[in-house]
C-alpha atoms as a PDB file:
ATOM      1  CA  MET A   1      19.696  80.620  37.787  1.00  0.00           C
ATOM      2  CA  ARG A   2      17.695  83.729  38.427  1.00  0.00           C
ATOM      3  CA  LEU A   3      14.054  84.052  37.368  1.00  0.00           C
ATOM      4  CA  THR A   4      12.724  87.343  36.129  1.00  0.00           C
ATOM      5  CA  HIS A   5       9.337  88.602  37.265  1.00  0.00           C
ATOM      6  CA  SER A   6       7.677  87.124  34.147  1.00  0.00           C
ATOM      7  CA  GLY A   7       9.615  83.893  34.673  1.00  0.00           C
ATOM      8  CA  ARG A   8       8.308  83.622  38.260  1.00  0.00           C
ATOM      9  CA  THR A   9       4.790  84.359  37.051  1.00  0.00           C
ATOM     10  CA  SER A  10       5.056  81.684  34.361  1.00  0.00           C
ATOM     11  CA  ALA A  11       6.401  79.185  36.905  1.00  0.00           C
ATOM     12  CA  ALA A  12       3.586  80.007  39.348  1.00  0.00           C
ATOM     13  CA  VAL A  13       0.968  79.586  36.596  1.00  0.00           C
ATOM     14  CA  ALA A  14       2.507  76.252  35.579  1.00  0.00           C
ATOM     15  CA  VAL A  15       2.439  74.994  39.175  1.00  0.00           C
ATOM     16  CA  ALA A  16      -1.168  76.166  39.618  1.00  0.00           C
ATOM     17  CA  CYS A  17      -2.211  74.390  36.406  1.00  0.00           C
ATOM     18  CA  ALA A  18      -0.475  71.183  37.478  1.00  0.00           C
ATOM     19  CA  LEU A  19      -2.245  71.284  40.856  1.00  0.00           C
ATOM     20  CA  LEU A  20      -5.607  71.894  39.168  1.00  0.00           C
ATOM     21  CA  VAL A  21      -5.152  68.985  36.756  1.00  0.00           C
ATOM     22  CA  THR A  22      -4.070  66.705  39.628  1.00  0.00           C
ATOM     23  CA  SER A  23      -7.141  67.728  41.652  1.00  0.00           C
ATOM     24  CA  LEU A  24      -9.461  67.044  38.710  1.00  0.00           C
ATOM     25  CA  VAL A  25      -7.929  63.596  38.155  1.00  0.00           C
ATOM     26  CA  VAL A  26      -8.344  62.730  41.856  1.00  0.00           C
ATOM     27  CA  VAL A  27     -12.006  63.850  41.839  1.00  0.00           C
ATOM     28  CA  ALA A  28     -12.745  61.998  38.593  1.00  0.00           C
ATOM     29  CA  THR A  29     -11.325  58.712  39.891  1.00  0.00           C
ATOM     30  CA  GLN A  30     -12.581  59.064  43.445  1.00  0.00           C
ATOM     31  CA  GLU A  31     -14.440  55.995  44.681  1.00  0.00           C
ATOM     32  CA  VAL A  32     -18.124  56.398  45.411  1.00  0.00           C
ATOM     33  CA  ASP A  33     -20.330  54.418  47.761  1.00  0.00           C
ATOM     34  CA  VAL A  34     -24.033  54.369  46.914  1.00  0.00           C
ATOM     35  CA  THR A  35     -25.022  52.185  49.872  1.00  0.00           C
ATOM     36  CA  GLY A  36     -28.241  53.450  51.405  1.00  0.00           C
ATOM     37  CA  THR A  37     -31.883  54.206  50.735  1.00  0.00           C
ATOM     38  CA  TRP A  38     -32.694  56.386  47.735  1.00  0.00           C
ATOM     39  CA  ILE A  39     -35.897  58.032  46.561  1.00  0.00           C
ATOM     40  CA  PHE A  40     -36.066  58.224  42.771  1.00  0.00           C
ATOM     41  CA  ASP A  41     -38.192  60.590  40.720  1.00  0.00           C
ATOM     42  CA  VAL A  42     -38.977  58.772  37.460  1.00  0.00           C
ATOM     43  CA  THR A  43     -40.499  60.203  34.283  1.00  0.00           C
ATOM     44  CA  THR A  44     -41.330  57.745  31.520  1.00  0.00           C
ATOM     45  CA  ASP A  45     -41.320  58.604  27.825  1.00  0.00           C
ATOM     46  CA  ASP A  46     -45.126  58.332  27.704  1.00  0.00           C
ATOM     47  CA  GLY A  47     -45.517  60.987  30.414  1.00  0.00           C
ATOM     48  CA  GLY A  48     -46.009  58.595  33.319  1.00  0.00           C
ATOM     49  CA  GLY A  49     -43.723  58.209  36.271  1.00  0.00           C
ATOM     50  CA  GLY A  50     -43.423  57.558  39.934  1.00  0.00           C
ATOM     51  CA  THR A  51     -41.248  57.787  43.023  1.00  0.00           C
ATOM     52  CA  PRO A  52     -39.791  54.354  43.755  1.00  0.00           C
ATOM     53  CA  THR A  53     -37.674  53.635  46.817  1.00  0.00           C
ATOM     54  CA  VAL A  54     -34.386  51.930  45.958  1.00  0.00           C
ATOM     55  CA  THR A  55     -32.223  50.360  48.657  1.00  0.00           C
ATOM     56  CA  LEU A  56     -28.637  49.734  47.534  1.00  0.00           C
ATOM     57  CA  LYS A  57     -25.743  47.850  49.081  1.00  0.00           C
ATOM     58  CA  GLN A  58     -22.348  48.305  47.431  1.00  0.00           C
ATOM     59  CA  GLU A  59     -19.430  45.941  47.969  1.00  0.00           C
ATOM     60  CA  GLY A  60     -16.502  46.960  45.770  1.00  0.00           C
ATOM     61  CA  ASP A  61     -18.031  47.553  42.359  1.00  0.00           C
ATOM     62  CA  GLN A  62     -20.932  45.121  42.921  1.00  0.00           C
ATOM     63  CA  LEU A  63     -24.458  46.249  43.806  1.00  0.00           C
ATOM     64  CA  THR A  64     -27.339  44.382  45.361  1.00  0.00           C
ATOM     65  CA  GLY A  65     -30.541  45.782  46.732  1.00  0.00           C
ATOM     66  CA  HIS A  66     -34.279  46.131  46.511  1.00  0.00           C
ATOM     67  CA  TYR A  67     -36.639  48.152  44.312  1.00  0.00           C
ATOM     68  CA  SER A  68     -40.092  49.160  45.560  1.00  0.00           C
ATOM     69  CA  SER A  69     -42.715  51.161  43.642  1.00  0.00           C
ATOM     70  CA  ASP A  70     -46.474  51.422  43.188  1.00  0.00           C
ATOM     71  CA  ASN A  71     -46.060  50.899  39.418  1.00  0.00           C
ATOM     72  CA  LEU A  72     -43.556  48.024  39.217  1.00  0.00           C
ATOM     73  CA  GLY A  73     -43.961  46.430  42.638  1.00  0.00           C
ATOM     74  CA  GLU A  74     -41.204  44.854  44.704  1.00  0.00           C
ATOM     75  CA  ALA A  75     -38.064  43.257  43.258  1.00  0.00           C
ATOM     76  CA  ASP A  76     -34.496  42.434  44.221  1.00  0.00           C
ATOM     77  CA  LEU A  77     -31.877  44.110  42.041  1.00  0.00           C
ATOM     78  CA  SER A  78     -28.236  43.683  41.102  1.00  0.00           C
ATOM     79  CA  GLY A  79     -25.715  45.791  39.248  1.00  0.00           C
ATOM     80  CA  THR A  80     -22.353  47.524  39.238  1.00  0.00           C
ATOM     81  CA  VAL A  81     -20.667  50.813  40.040  1.00  0.00           C
ATOM     82  CA  LYS A  82     -17.605  51.702  37.955  1.00  0.00           C
ATOM     83  CA  GLY A  83     -16.143  55.091  38.768  1.00  0.00           C
ATOM     84  CA  ARG A  84     -19.224  57.296  38.877  1.00  0.00           C
ATOM     85  CA  GLU A  85     -21.263  55.147  36.488  1.00  0.00           C
ATOM     86  CA  ILE A  86     -24.016  52.989  38.011  1.00  0.00           C
ATOM     87  CA  VAL A  87     -26.071  50.269  36.332  1.00  0.00           C
ATOM     88  CA  PHE A  88     -28.629  48.036  37.984  1.00  0.00           C
ATOM     89  CA  SER A  89     -31.474  45.869  36.821  1.00  0.00           C
ATOM     90  CA  PHE A  90     -34.360  43.822  38.146  1.00  0.00           C
ATOM     91  CA  ASP A  91     -37.321  41.838  36.859  1.00  0.00           C
ATOM     92  CA  ALA A  92     -40.633  43.535  37.528  1.00  0.00           C
ATOM     93  CA  ASP A  93     -43.717  41.346  37.857  1.00  0.00           C
ATOM     94  CA  ILE A  94     -46.483  42.918  35.772  1.00  0.00           C
ATOM     95  CA  GLN A  95     -49.696  40.918  36.099  1.00  0.00           C
ATOM     96  CA  GLY A  96     -47.763  37.652  36.182  1.00  0.00           C
ATOM     97  CA  PHE A  97     -45.336  38.571  33.402  1.00  0.00           C
ATOM     98  CA  SER A  98     -41.649  39.209  34.040  1.00  0.00           C
ATOM     99  CA  LEU A  99     -40.399  42.542  32.655  1.00  0.00           C
ATOM    100  CA  PRO A 100     -36.629  43.244  32.812  1.00  0.00           C
ATOM    101  CA  VAL A 101     -35.904  46.884  33.750  1.00  0.00           C
ATOM    102  CA  THR A 102     -32.457  48.525  33.662  1.00  0.00           C
ATOM    103  CA  TYR A 103     -31.379  51.803  35.264  1.00  0.00           C
ATOM    104  CA  THR A 104     -28.171  53.429  33.963  1.00  0.00           C
ATOM    105  CA  GLY A 105     -26.851  56.606  35.541  1.00  0.00           C
ATOM    106  CA  THR A 106     -24.148  58.802  36.945  1.00  0.00           C
ATOM    107  CA  VAL A 107     -23.451  59.414  40.627  1.00  0.00           C
ATOM    108  CA  GLU A 108     -23.396  63.192  41.094  1.00  0.00           C
ATOM    109  CA  GLY A 109     -21.814  64.055  44.405  1.00  0.00           C
ATOM    110  CA  ASP A 110     -22.444  61.972  47.502  1.00  0.00           C
ATOM    111  CA  ASP A 111     -26.234  62.004  47.521  1.00  0.00           C
ATOM    112  CA  ALA A 112     -27.506  62.345  43.949  1.00  0.00           C
ATOM    113  CA  ILE A 113     -27.854  60.061  40.927  1.00  0.00           C
ATOM    114  CA  SER A 114     -29.396  60.753  37.524  1.00  0.00           C
ATOM    115  CA  GLY A 115     -29.796  58.818  34.315  1.00  0.00           C
ATOM    116  CA  THR A 116     -32.095  56.744  32.158  1.00  0.00           C
ATOM    117  CA  LEU A 117     -34.190  53.621  32.530  1.00  0.00           C
ATOM    118  CA  SER A 118     -35.204  51.134  29.894  1.00  0.00           C
ATOM    119  CA  SER A 119     -37.299  48.021  29.404  1.00  0.00           C
ATOM    120  CA  ASP A 120     -38.854  46.214  26.456  1.00  0.00           C
ATOM    121  CA  PHE A 121     -41.966  48.414  26.671  1.00  0.00           C
ATOM    122  CA  PHE A 122     -40.907  51.802  28.015  1.00  0.00           C
ATOM    123  CA  GLY A 123     -37.990  54.115  28.704  1.00  0.00           C
ATOM    124  CA  GLY A 124     -37.474  57.273  30.668  1.00  0.00           C
ATOM    125  CA  THR A 125     -35.272  59.363  32.910  1.00  0.00           C
ATOM    126  CA  PHE A 126     -34.700  59.518  36.641  1.00  0.00           C
ATOM    127  CA  THR A 127     -33.073  61.483  39.383  1.00  0.00           C
ATOM    128  CA  GLY A 128     -32.360  60.037  42.805  1.00  0.00           C
ATOM    129  CA  LYS A 129     -31.614  61.495  46.238  1.00  0.00           C
ATOM    130  CA  ARG A 130     -30.139  59.541  49.130  1.00  0.00           C
ATOM    131  CA  GLN A 131     -32.284  59.645  52.272  1.00  0.00           C
END
């Protein structure tokens, strides 16, 4: 079988498209590891915010770690990482009352996370950079 010039061009385009799709699938399913110390920049819905330090340890899809901020104090955390989605939560101690707080986000590259946070009394957004 002999390909014409347009046949070779079509075949080359098809191969290039297949390689691109394969590359995108590999990137989308690539495992991430969020282990390390992160500095978050938090903005709450009421205009408040802060810069908590979050230390994460990932084993498989399980997360453990520690949350430290001027606003919510110190707390151990736990959560999961599935693909590029991360969720972790902890109980903040606010003047003797326990307040559950949940962070939900997306790992963006090796050293960035962004998403939302929620509790019974406030919500907001965050970005995080690995130190």
